[in-house]
């Protein structure tokens, strides 16, 4: 009878949606409670299923956090690559890197929180060695732009590039701990304020 059976494509799509739902639930728990203390049973309970059913989709909570972090980092790396391909002047490039960081944070808030809180711990294990590589790649991207800005005379020549990078990194990414996506200030507004403070400082312009 036509339509009596679900197609392979329908089954696959349903399975993919369910995986995404489970990952979103796990990401929220890992971000709020911490990866180490969150158990598979707690994830399953939050999803309204038995632990055994969760293992039908993932073999461990490590596999879940691995997928969560890889998706976020891949997205962030592509956003940064887009900025570099646009070949702006150094100040515009720095501005866009800040804005794209907040774009990723808005989309992957839980993943960013997990990365902030857990990357150092997870990077001790071979499976998560890519976390250290990703951090190094991000640093190279930012420092390259800062150094180019110094050479072009856009940024001050006494700027300590590594300190500047760490300042930008910490002020941008730790925002995830207080940013409320349902609050009055959206990610774009917060990004623009960060750019203003970074490029103009807090002093009123002189007459």
C-alpha atoms as a PDB file:
ATOM      1  CA  UNK A   1       0.000   0.000   0.000  1.00  0.00           C
ATOM      2  CA  UNK A   2       1.409   3.369  -1.039  1.00  0.00           C
ATOM      3  CA  UNK A   3       2.448   5.508   1.940  1.00  0.00           C
ATOM      4  CA  UNK A   4       2.229   2.662   4.436  1.00  0.00           C
ATOM      5  CA  UNK A   5       5.966   2.708   5.060  1.00  0.00           C
ATOM      6  CA  UNK A   6       8.282   5.569   5.882  1.00  0.00           C
ATOM      7  CA  UNK A   7      11.041   6.111   3.364  1.00  0.00           C
ATOM      8  CA  UNK A   8      14.682   5.678   4.311  1.00  0.00           C
ATOM      9  CA  UNK A   9      15.098   9.416   3.876  1.00  0.00           C
ATOM     10  CA  UNK A  10      12.287  10.169   6.339  1.00  0.00           C
ATOM     11  CA  UNK A  11      13.780   7.837   8.926  1.00  0.00           C
ATOM     12  CA  UNK A  12      17.227   9.386   8.482  1.00  0.00           C
ATOM     13  CA  UNK A  13      15.826  12.922   8.774  1.00  0.00           C
ATOM     14  CA  UNK A  14      13.934  12.028  11.935  1.00  0.00           C
ATOM     15  CA  UNK A  15      17.058  10.433  13.393  1.00  0.00           C
ATOM     16  CA  UNK A  16      19.117  13.516  12.576  1.00  0.00           C
ATOM     17  CA  UNK A  17      16.566  15.802  14.203  1.00  0.00           C
ATOM     18  CA  UNK A  18      16.494  13.644  17.302  1.00  0.00           C
ATOM     19  CA  UNK A  19      20.291  13.662  17.515  1.00  0.00           C
ATOM     20  CA  UNK A  20      20.267  17.448  17.251  1.00  0.00           C
ATOM     21  CA  UNK A  21      17.647  17.675  20.014  1.00  0.00           C
ATOM     22  CA  UNK A  22      19.680  15.414  22.284  1.00  0.00           C
ATOM     23  CA  UNK A  23      22.851  17.389  21.626  1.00  0.00           C
ATOM     24  CA  UNK A  24      21.062  20.646  22.458  1.00  0.00           C
ATOM     25  CA  UNK A  25      19.856  19.168  25.754  1.00  0.00           C
ATOM     26  CA  UNK A  26      23.318  17.838  26.575  1.00  0.00           C
ATOM     27  CA  UNK A  27      24.956  21.155  25.649  1.00  0.00           C
ATOM     28  CA  UNK A  28      22.640  23.029  27.989  1.00  0.00           C
ATOM     29  CA  UNK A  29      23.421  20.650  30.858  1.00  0.00           C
ATOM     30  CA  UNK A  30      27.164  20.673  30.222  1.00  0.00           C
ATOM     31  CA  UNK A  31      27.111  24.489  30.142  1.00  0.00           C
ATOM     32  CA  UNK A  32      25.015  24.887  33.301  1.00  0.00           C
ATOM     33  CA  UNK A  33      26.296  22.033  35.459  1.00  0.00           C
ATOM     34  CA  UNK A  34      29.696  21.197  34.005  1.00  0.00           C
ATOM     35  CA  UNK A  35      30.766  18.348  31.758  1.00  0.00           C
ATOM     36  CA  UNK A  36      32.426  16.231  34.444  1.00  0.00           C
ATOM     37  CA  UNK A  37      29.495  16.120  36.863  1.00  0.00           C
ATOM     38  CA  UNK A  38      26.748  15.722  34.257  1.00  0.00           C
ATOM     39  CA  UNK A  39      25.823  12.070  33.764  1.00  0.00           C
ATOM     40  CA  UNK A  40      24.355  10.206  30.827  1.00  0.00           C
ATOM     41  CA  UNK A  41      21.349   9.396  32.996  1.00  0.00           C
ATOM     42  CA  UNK A  42      20.706  13.093  33.654  1.00  0.00           C
ATOM     43  CA  UNK A  43      20.860  13.841  29.939  1.00  0.00           C
ATOM     44  CA  UNK A  44      18.460  11.006  29.208  1.00  0.00           C
ATOM     45  CA  UNK A  45      16.056  12.123  31.938  1.00  0.00           C
ATOM     46  CA  UNK A  46      16.071  15.679  30.611  1.00  0.00           C
ATOM     47  CA  UNK A  47      15.262  14.267  27.173  1.00  0.00           C
ATOM     48  CA  UNK A  48      12.481  12.080  28.576  1.00  0.00           C
ATOM     49  CA  UNK A  49      14.100   8.801  27.566  1.00  0.00           C
ATOM     50  CA  UNK A  50      15.976   5.932  29.199  1.00  0.00           C
ATOM     51  CA  UNK A  51      19.762   5.880  29.293  1.00  0.00           C
ATOM     52  CA  UNK A  52      19.769   2.874  26.996  1.00  0.00           C
ATOM     53  CA  UNK A  53      17.861   4.833  24.369  1.00  0.00           C
ATOM     54  CA  UNK A  54      20.452   7.600  24.524  1.00  0.00           C
ATOM     55  CA  UNK A  55      23.180   5.060  23.819  1.00  0.00           C
ATOM     56  CA  UNK A  56      21.318   4.237  20.618  1.00  0.00           C
ATOM     57  CA  UNK A  57      22.456   7.652  19.334  1.00  0.00           C
ATOM     58  CA  UNK A  58      25.764   8.222  21.177  1.00  0.00           C
ATOM     59  CA  UNK A  59      28.220   5.806  22.747  1.00  0.00           C
ATOM     60  CA  UNK A  60      29.232   8.206  25.554  1.00  0.00           C
ATOM     61  CA  UNK A  61      28.896  11.736  26.843  1.00  0.00           C
ATOM     62  CA  UNK A  62      32.424  12.328  25.483  1.00  0.00           C
ATOM     63  CA  UNK A  63      31.062  11.684  22.000  1.00  0.00           C
ATOM     64  CA  UNK A  64      28.328  14.217  22.637  1.00  0.00           C
ATOM     65  CA  UNK A  65      30.599  17.019  23.846  1.00  0.00           C
ATOM     66  CA  UNK A  66      33.001  16.201  21.009  1.00  0.00           C
ATOM     67  CA  UNK A  67      30.269  16.762  18.436  1.00  0.00           C
ATOM     68  CA  UNK A  68      29.041  19.911  20.183  1.00  0.00           C
ATOM     69  CA  UNK A  69      32.498  21.487  20.255  1.00  0.00           C
ATOM     70  CA  UNK A  70      33.496  20.452  16.743  1.00  0.00           C
ATOM     71  CA  UNK A  71      30.359  22.013  15.270  1.00  0.00           C
ATOM     72  CA  UNK A  72      30.919  25.299  17.089  1.00  0.00           C
ATOM     73  CA  UNK A  73      34.627  25.489  16.293  1.00  0.00           C
ATOM     74  CA  UNK A  74      34.051  24.643  12.631  1.00  0.00           C
ATOM     75  CA  UNK A  75      31.477  27.413  12.393  1.00  0.00           C
ATOM     76  CA  UNK A  76      33.744  29.923  14.144  1.00  0.00           C
ATOM     77  CA  UNK A  77      36.717  29.055  11.957  1.00  0.00           C
ATOM     78  CA  UNK A  78      34.643  29.518   8.812  1.00  0.00           C
ATOM     79  CA  UNK A  79      33.409  32.917  10.021  1.00  0.00           C
ATOM     80  CA  UNK A  80      36.984  34.056  10.619  1.00  0.00           C
ATOM     81  CA  UNK A  81      38.051  32.702   7.227  1.00  0.00           C
ATOM     82  CA  UNK A  82      35.271  34.735   5.587  1.00  0.00           C
ATOM     83  CA  UNK A  83      36.557  37.910   7.244  1.00  0.00           C
ATOM     84  CA  UNK A  84      40.103  37.291   6.054  1.00  0.00           C
ATOM     85  CA  UNK A  85      38.912  36.569   2.501  1.00  0.00           C
ATOM     86  CA  UNK A  86      37.146  39.945   2.463  1.00  0.00           C
ATOM     87  CA  UNK A  87      40.604  41.567   2.752  1.00  0.00           C
ATOM     88  CA  UNK A  88      39.632  44.697   4.700  1.00  0.00           C
ATOM     89  CA  UNK A  89      42.005  47.181   6.276  1.00  0.00           C
ATOM     90  CA  UNK A  90      43.257  46.039   9.729  1.00  0.00           C
ATOM     91  CA  UNK A  91      40.804  48.113  11.786  1.00  0.00           C
ATOM     92  CA  UNK A  92      37.807  46.871   9.799  1.00  0.00           C
ATOM     93  CA  UNK A  93      39.114  43.323  10.008  1.00  0.00           C
ATOM     94  CA  UNK A  94      39.420  43.521  13.803  1.00  0.00           C
ATOM     95  CA  UNK A  95      35.914  44.985  13.957  1.00  0.00           C
ATOM     96  CA  UNK A  96      34.513  42.156  11.849  1.00  0.00           C
ATOM     97  CA  UNK A  97      36.345  39.494  13.859  1.00  0.00           C
ATOM     98  CA  UNK A  98      34.701  40.840  17.012  1.00  0.00           C
ATOM     99  CA  UNK A  99      31.283  40.908  15.359  1.00  0.00           C
ATOM    100  CA  UNK A 100      31.602  37.398  13.934  1.00  0.00           C
ATOM    101  CA  UNK A 101      32.671  36.145  17.366  1.00  0.00           C
ATOM    102  CA  UNK A 102      29.429  37.461  18.823  1.00  0.00           C
ATOM    103  CA  UNK A 103      27.538  35.965  15.900  1.00  0.00           C
ATOM    104  CA  UNK A 104      28.917  32.552  16.821  1.00  0.00           C
ATOM    105  CA  UNK A 105      28.210  33.161  20.501  1.00  0.00           C
ATOM    106  CA  UNK A 106      24.602  34.023  19.725  1.00  0.00           C
ATOM    107  CA  UNK A 107      24.169  30.789  17.783  1.00  0.00           C
ATOM    108  CA  UNK A 108      26.245  28.465  19.975  1.00  0.00           C
ATOM    109  CA  UNK A 109      25.940  29.986  23.437  1.00  0.00           C
ATOM    110  CA  UNK A 110      26.087  26.675  25.307  1.00  0.00           C
ATOM    111  CA  UNK A 111      28.988  25.416  23.202  1.00  0.00           C
ATOM    112  CA  UNK A 112      30.944  28.616  23.848  1.00  0.00           C
ATOM    113  CA  UNK A 113      30.345  28.230  27.587  1.00  0.00           C
ATOM    114  CA  UNK A 114      31.542  24.624  27.441  1.00  0.00           C
ATOM    115  CA  UNK A 115      34.618  25.661  25.482  1.00  0.00           C
ATOM    116  CA  UNK A 116      35.396  28.393  28.021  1.00  0.00           C
ATOM    117  CA  UNK A 117      34.916  26.140  31.033  1.00  0.00           C
ATOM    118  CA  UNK A 118      36.086  22.746  29.825  1.00  0.00           C
ATOM    119  CA  UNK A 119      38.638  23.130  27.017  1.00  0.00           C
ATOM    120  CA  UNK A 120      41.671  23.097  29.305  1.00  0.00           C
ATOM    121  CA  UNK A 121      40.474  19.902  30.991  1.00  0.00           C
ATOM    122  CA  UNK A 122      39.381  18.131  27.811  1.00  0.00           C
ATOM    123  CA  UNK A 123      42.532  19.055  25.869  1.00  0.00           C
ATOM    124  CA  UNK A 124      44.515  16.726  28.151  1.00  0.00           C
ATOM    125  CA  UNK A 125      43.008  13.794  26.275  1.00  0.00           C
ATOM    126  CA  UNK A 126      44.120  12.749  22.787  1.00  0.00           C
ATOM    127  CA  UNK A 127      40.576  12.775  21.488  1.00  0.00           C
ATOM    128  CA  UNK A 128      40.311  16.500  22.189  1.00  0.00           C
ATOM    129  CA  UNK A 129      43.780  17.560  21.051  1.00  0.00           C
ATOM    130  CA  UNK A 130      42.090  19.645  18.356  1.00  0.00           C
ATOM    131  CA  UNK A 131      40.936  22.084  21.048  1.00  0.00           C
ATOM    132  CA  UNK A 132      44.497  23.244  21.601  1.00  0.00           C
ATOM    133  CA  UNK A 133      45.060  23.496  17.856  1.00  0.00           C
ATOM    134  CA  UNK A 134      41.893  25.538  17.438  1.00  0.00           C
ATOM    135  CA  UNK A 135      42.974  27.925  20.192  1.00  0.00           C
ATOM    136  CA  UNK A 136      46.349  28.356  18.513  1.00  0.00           C
ATOM    137  CA  UNK A 137      44.691  28.964  15.141  1.00  0.00           C
ATOM    138  CA  UNK A 138      42.471  31.655  16.620  1.00  0.00           C
ATOM    139  CA  UNK A 139      45.470  33.337  18.223  1.00  0.00           C
ATOM    140  CA  UNK A 140      47.396  33.328  14.937  1.00  0.00           C
ATOM    141  CA  UNK A 141      44.441  34.886  13.138  1.00  0.00           C
ATOM    142  CA  UNK A 142      44.101  37.777  15.587  1.00  0.00           C
ATOM    143  CA  UNK A 143      47.827  38.443  16.088  1.00  0.00           C
ATOM    144  CA  UNK A 144      48.446  38.461  12.340  1.00  0.00           C
ATOM    145  CA  UNK A 145      45.856  41.222  11.911  1.00  0.00           C
ATOM    146  CA  UNK A 146      47.197  43.184  14.886  1.00  0.00           C
ATOM    147  CA  UNK A 147      50.761  42.968  13.551  1.00  0.00           C
ATOM    148  CA  UNK A 148      49.615  44.069  10.100  1.00  0.00           C
ATOM    149  CA  UNK A 149      47.866  47.028  11.678  1.00  0.00           C
ATOM    150  CA  UNK A 150      51.087  48.004  13.415  1.00  0.00           C
ATOM    151  CA  UNK A 151      53.036  47.802  10.152  1.00  0.00           C
ATOM    152  CA  UNK A 152      50.402  49.939   8.424  1.00  0.00           C
ATOM    153  CA  UNK A 153      50.466  52.542  11.193  1.00  0.00           C
ATOM    154  CA  UNK A 154      46.810  51.874  12.066  1.00  0.00           C
ATOM    155  CA  UNK A 155      47.571  50.470  15.530  1.00  0.00           C
ATOM    156  CA  UNK A 156      50.038  52.007  17.963  1.00  0.00           C
ATOM    157  CA  UNK A 157      53.582  50.744  17.568  1.00  0.00           C
ATOM    158  CA  UNK A 158      54.058  50.154  21.307  1.00  0.00           C
ATOM    159  CA  UNK A 159      51.150  47.692  21.357  1.00  0.00           C
ATOM    160  CA  UNK A 160      52.111  44.353  22.896  1.00  0.00           C
ATOM    161  CA  UNK A 161      50.354  42.110  20.411  1.00  0.00           C
ATOM    162  CA  UNK A 162      50.052  39.020  22.608  1.00  0.00           C
ATOM    163  CA  UNK A 163      48.608  41.010  25.511  1.00  0.00           C
ATOM    164  CA  UNK A 164      46.254  42.809  23.122  1.00  0.00           C
ATOM    165  CA  UNK A 165      45.045  39.491  21.736  1.00  0.00           C
ATOM    166  CA  UNK A 166      44.442  38.048  25.190  1.00  0.00           C
ATOM    167  CA  UNK A 167      42.601  41.196  26.253  1.00  0.00           C
ATOM    168  CA  UNK A 168      40.303  41.018  23.231  1.00  0.00           C
ATOM    169  CA  UNK A 169      39.829  37.268  23.581  1.00  0.00           C
ATOM    170  CA  UNK A 170      38.905  37.451  27.243  1.00  0.00           C
ATOM    171  CA  UNK A 171      36.644  40.487  27.016  1.00  0.00           C
ATOM    172  CA  UNK A 172      34.754  39.017  24.066  1.00  0.00           C
ATOM    173  CA  UNK A 173      34.363  35.369  25.054  1.00  0.00           C
ATOM    174  CA  UNK A 174      33.716  35.798  28.774  1.00  0.00           C
ATOM    175  CA  UNK A 175      30.656  37.802  27.777  1.00  0.00           C
ATOM    176  CA  UNK A 176      28.934  34.446  27.386  1.00  0.00           C
ATOM    177  CA  UNK A 177      28.705  34.225  31.180  1.00  0.00           C
ATOM    178  CA  UNK A 178      26.376  37.216  31.428  1.00  0.00           C
ATOM    179  CA  UNK A 179      24.925  37.663  27.950  1.00  0.00           C
ATOM    180  CA  UNK A 180      21.190  36.976  27.872  1.00  0.00           C
ATOM    181  CA  UNK A 181      19.924  36.310  24.321  1.00  0.00           C
ATOM    182  CA  UNK A 182      16.410  37.228  25.491  1.00  0.00           C
ATOM    183  CA  UNK A 183      17.555  40.459  27.109  1.00  0.00           C
ATOM    184  CA  UNK A 184      17.260  44.017  25.840  1.00  0.00           C
ATOM    185  CA  UNK A 185      20.782  44.033  24.378  1.00  0.00           C
ATOM    186  CA  UNK A 186      21.229  41.718  21.421  1.00  0.00           C
ATOM    187  CA  UNK A 187      24.543  40.289  20.283  1.00  0.00           C
ATOM    188  CA  UNK A 188      25.040  42.968  17.626  1.00  0.00           C
ATOM    189  CA  UNK A 189      24.619  45.823  20.095  1.00  0.00           C
ATOM    190  CA  UNK A 190      27.058  44.219  22.528  1.00  0.00           C
ATOM    191  CA  UNK A 191      29.538  43.579  19.709  1.00  0.00           C
ATOM    192  CA  UNK A 192      29.365  47.230  18.625  1.00  0.00           C
ATOM    193  CA  UNK A 193      30.019  48.378  22.206  1.00  0.00           C
ATOM    194  CA  UNK A 194      33.052  46.115  22.401  1.00  0.00           C
ATOM    195  CA  UNK A 195      34.361  47.561  19.138  1.00  0.00           C
ATOM    196  CA  UNK A 196      33.839  51.112  20.395  1.00  0.00           C
ATOM    197  CA  UNK A 197      35.657  50.414  23.662  1.00  0.00           C
ATOM    198  CA  UNK A 198      38.440  48.577  21.845  1.00  0.00           C
ATOM    199  CA  UNK A 199      39.052  51.230  19.212  1.00  0.00           C
ATOM    200  CA  UNK A 200      37.995  54.447  20.968  1.00  0.00           C
ATOM    201  CA  UNK A 201      38.445  53.719  24.676  1.00  0.00           C
ATOM    202  CA  UNK A 202      36.249  55.191  27.409  1.00  0.00           C
ATOM    203  CA  UNK A 203      37.469  58.780  27.318  1.00  0.00           C
ATOM    204  CA  UNK A 204      35.264  61.489  25.814  1.00  0.00           C
ATOM    205  CA  UNK A 205      36.662  62.902  22.564  1.00  0.00           C
ATOM    206  CA  UNK A 206      38.602  66.142  23.021  1.00  0.00           C
ATOM    207  CA  UNK A 207      37.225  69.307  21.500  1.00  0.00           C
END
